[in-house]
Each structure stands twice: as C-alpha cells, then as structure tokens.
Amino acid sequence: MAKKQTLLLLTVSDCRECPKNTKVRTPNSGFAIDLICSLTGQVTSGYVEWEREINSVPSWCPLAIASE
C-alpha cells in the first residue's frame, strides 16, 4: 500500500520557521550562521549574528505561494 501524502501550508515571517531550512556556522566567523534552503542549496541569509539580520522569505522560494 502506498503512503498517503499530505499538503501542508505554512505561514512564516522568515526562513527560520521553514522546515526545509538549515542553519550552518559561517566558516571562520565566530558565532555567525548561514541559513540555507535545503531544496535549492541557496543561502537565504548569510553571516547572521543577530535575529534582526535574518532576511524575509526570498522571491525565489520554491514553497512560496503568496506574500503579504
């Protein structure tokens, strides 16, 4: 029997809240991180030291349906 698939719709303000986002330490940066989309491999926010530096969801996001 095939597994059922479920469509999930998420409302997020930035990529931190996306389950397909990965946090990795920025090389040679101390405490900074890069946020990377695991679907495309693109950096959504690079060299983030503070939460206020995180970008909103990019226009190229493959999961984005609409933006307010």
N, C-alpha and C. Protein backbone atom coordinates (compact mmCIF):
# COMPACT_ATOMS: atom_id res chain seq x y z
N MET A 1 0.84 -1.17 0.00
CA MET A 1 0.00 0.00 0.00
C MET A 1 0.89 1.24 0.00
N ALA A 2 0.59 2.19 -0.88
CA ALA A 2 1.37 3.42 -0.98
C ALA A 2 1.05 4.34 0.20
N LYS A 3 2.07 5.06 0.64
CA LYS A 3 1.87 6.03 1.73
C LYS A 3 1.06 7.22 1.23
N LYS A 4 0.20 7.73 2.08
CA LYS A 4 -0.56 8.93 1.76
C LYS A 4 0.33 10.15 1.88
N GLN A 5 0.12 11.11 1.02
CA GLN A 5 0.84 12.37 1.10
C GLN A 5 -0.11 13.45 1.60
N THR A 6 0.43 14.36 2.37
CA THR A 6 -0.36 15.45 2.93
C THR A 6 0.24 16.78 2.53
N LEU A 7 -0.59 17.66 2.03
CA LEU A 7 -0.15 19.01 1.68
C LEU A 7 -0.24 19.89 2.91
N LEU A 8 0.87 20.52 3.26
CA LEU A 8 0.91 21.42 4.41
C LEU A 8 1.11 22.85 3.93
N LEU A 9 0.33 23.75 4.46
CA LEU A 9 0.50 25.17 4.18
C LEU A 9 1.01 25.83 5.44
N LEU A 10 2.12 26.53 5.34
CA LEU A 10 2.74 27.20 6.48
C LEU A 10 2.74 28.70 6.25
N THR A 11 2.53 29.44 7.30
CA THR A 11 2.68 30.89 7.24
C THR A 11 3.92 31.22 8.06
N VAL A 12 4.92 31.79 7.40
CA VAL A 12 6.18 32.11 8.07
C VAL A 12 6.57 33.55 7.80
N SER A 13 7.32 34.14 8.71
CA SER A 13 7.79 35.51 8.51
C SER A 13 9.22 35.54 7.95
N ASP A 14 9.97 34.47 8.18
CA ASP A 14 11.30 34.34 7.60
C ASP A 14 11.66 32.86 7.51
N CYS A 15 12.79 32.57 6.93
CA CYS A 15 13.16 31.18 6.64
C CYS A 15 13.51 30.34 7.87
N ARG A 16 13.73 30.98 9.02
CA ARG A 16 14.00 30.22 10.24
C ARG A 16 12.86 29.26 10.56
N GLU A 17 11.64 29.67 10.24
CA GLU A 17 10.45 28.91 10.58
C GLU A 17 10.14 27.81 9.57
N CYS A 18 10.86 27.75 8.48
CA CYS A 18 10.62 26.74 7.43
C CYS A 18 11.31 25.43 7.78
N PRO A 19 10.61 24.30 7.66
CA PRO A 19 11.23 23.01 7.96
C PRO A 19 12.30 22.60 6.94
N LYS A 20 12.36 23.26 5.80
CA LYS A 20 13.35 22.94 4.78
C LYS A 20 14.57 23.85 4.84
N ASN A 21 14.71 24.57 5.93
CA ASN A 21 15.83 25.48 6.11
C ASN A 21 16.86 24.85 7.04
N THR A 22 18.13 25.07 6.75
CA THR A 22 19.22 24.52 7.55
C THR A 22 20.10 25.65 8.07
N LYS A 23 20.50 25.55 9.32
CA LYS A 23 21.45 26.52 9.90
C LYS A 23 22.83 25.89 9.92
N VAL A 24 23.80 26.60 9.41
CA VAL A 24 25.20 26.15 9.48
C VAL A 24 26.06 27.32 9.94
N ARG A 25 27.13 27.03 10.65
CA ARG A 25 28.05 28.07 11.09
C ARG A 25 28.78 28.65 9.89
N THR A 26 28.86 29.97 9.85
CA THR A 26 29.64 30.63 8.81
C THR A 26 31.11 30.35 9.09
N PRO A 27 31.84 29.79 8.13
CA PRO A 27 33.24 29.46 8.37
C PRO A 27 34.07 30.68 8.81
N ASN A 28 34.92 30.47 9.81
CA ASN A 28 35.84 31.49 10.32
C ASN A 28 35.14 32.76 10.80
N SER A 29 33.95 32.62 11.39
CA SER A 29 33.20 33.82 11.76
C SER A 29 32.87 33.93 13.24
N GLY A 30 33.24 32.98 14.03
CA GLY A 30 32.86 33.02 15.43
C GLY A 30 31.47 32.45 15.64
N PHE A 31 30.50 33.33 15.90
CA PHE A 31 29.15 32.87 16.21
C PHE A 31 28.15 33.06 15.07
N ALA A 32 28.53 33.60 13.95
CA ALA A 32 27.60 33.85 12.85
C ALA A 32 27.15 32.54 12.20
N ILE A 33 25.93 32.58 11.65
CA ILE A 33 25.39 31.41 10.95
C ILE A 33 24.93 31.82 9.55
N ASP A 34 24.81 30.83 8.69
CA ASP A 34 24.19 30.99 7.38
C ASP A 34 22.91 30.16 7.40
N LEU A 35 21.85 30.69 6.82
CA LEU A 35 20.61 29.94 6.66
C LEU A 35 20.55 29.50 5.21
N ILE A 36 20.40 28.18 4.99
CA ILE A 36 20.46 27.62 3.65
C ILE A 36 19.19 26.83 3.37
N CYS A 37 18.60 27.07 2.20
CA CYS A 37 17.42 26.31 1.76
C CYS A 37 17.87 24.92 1.34
N SER A 38 17.32 23.88 1.97
CA SER A 38 17.74 22.52 1.62
C SER A 38 17.12 22.04 0.30
N LEU A 39 16.14 22.77 -0.22
CA LEU A 39 15.54 22.40 -1.51
C LEU A 39 16.36 22.90 -2.69
N THR A 40 16.95 24.09 -2.56
CA THR A 40 17.70 24.68 -3.67
C THR A 40 19.19 24.76 -3.42
N GLY A 41 19.60 24.70 -2.15
CA GLY A 41 21.01 24.85 -1.80
C GLY A 41 21.45 26.30 -1.75
N GLN A 42 20.53 27.24 -1.93
CA GLN A 42 20.87 28.66 -1.92
C GLN A 42 20.85 29.21 -0.50
N VAL A 43 21.69 30.20 -0.27
CA VAL A 43 21.73 30.87 1.02
C VAL A 43 20.56 31.85 1.09
N THR A 44 19.73 31.72 2.14
CA THR A 44 18.61 32.65 2.31
C THR A 44 19.03 33.86 3.14
N SER A 45 19.93 33.67 4.07
CA SER A 45 20.52 34.75 4.87
C SER A 45 21.93 34.33 5.22
N GLY A 46 22.90 35.16 4.83
CA GLY A 46 24.29 34.84 5.10
C GLY A 46 24.89 35.72 6.17
N TYR A 47 25.80 35.17 6.92
CA TYR A 47 26.51 35.85 8.00
C TYR A 47 25.54 36.54 8.95
N VAL A 48 24.74 35.74 9.62
CA VAL A 48 23.75 36.25 10.57
C VAL A 48 24.31 36.14 11.99
N GLU A 49 24.45 37.27 12.66
CA GLU A 49 24.87 37.27 14.06
C GLU A 49 23.71 37.55 14.99
N TRP A 50 22.73 38.33 14.52
CA TRP A 50 21.57 38.71 15.33
C TRP A 50 20.30 38.36 14.57
N GLU A 51 19.25 38.00 15.30
CA GLU A 51 17.99 37.63 14.66
C GLU A 51 17.44 38.72 13.76
N ARG A 52 17.67 39.97 14.09
CA ARG A 52 17.14 41.07 13.27
C ARG A 52 17.80 41.12 11.89
N GLU A 53 18.90 40.40 11.71
CA GLU A 53 19.61 40.39 10.42
C GLU A 53 19.07 39.34 9.45
N ILE A 54 18.12 38.54 9.89
CA ILE A 54 17.58 37.49 9.04
C ILE A 54 16.64 38.10 8.01
N ASN A 55 16.85 37.75 6.74
CA ASN A 55 16.03 38.27 5.66
C ASN A 55 14.64 37.63 5.66
N SER A 56 13.70 38.31 5.03
CA SER A 56 12.37 37.72 4.85
C SER A 56 12.47 36.61 3.80
N VAL A 57 11.39 35.92 3.56
CA VAL A 57 11.39 34.81 2.60
C VAL A 57 11.71 35.37 1.21
N PRO A 58 12.72 34.80 0.51
CA PRO A 58 13.11 35.33 -0.79
C PRO A 58 12.07 35.04 -1.87
N SER A 59 12.07 35.85 -2.91
CA SER A 59 11.10 35.69 -4.01
C SER A 59 11.28 34.38 -4.76
N TRP A 60 12.47 33.80 -4.72
CA TRP A 60 12.73 32.55 -5.43
C TRP A 60 12.35 31.30 -4.65
N CYS A 61 11.80 31.46 -3.46
CA CYS A 61 11.45 30.31 -2.62
C CYS A 61 10.51 29.36 -3.36
N PRO A 62 10.88 28.07 -3.48
CA PRO A 62 10.05 27.11 -4.19
C PRO A 62 8.75 26.75 -3.45
N LEU A 63 8.66 27.07 -2.18
CA LEU A 63 7.46 26.75 -1.41
C LEU A 63 6.50 27.93 -1.30
N ALA A 64 6.95 29.12 -1.69
CA ALA A 64 6.13 30.33 -1.52
C ALA A 64 4.97 30.31 -2.49
N ILE A 65 3.79 30.58 -1.96
CA ILE A 65 2.57 30.67 -2.77
C ILE A 65 2.17 32.14 -2.92
N ALA A 66 2.19 32.85 -1.80
CA ALA A 66 1.82 34.26 -1.81
C ALA A 66 2.61 34.99 -0.73
N SER A 67 2.71 36.29 -0.89
CA SER A 67 3.42 37.11 0.08
C SER A 67 2.57 38.32 0.42
N GLU A 68 2.55 38.68 1.71
CA GLU A 68 1.76 39.85 2.14
C GLU A 68 2.65 41.03 2.39
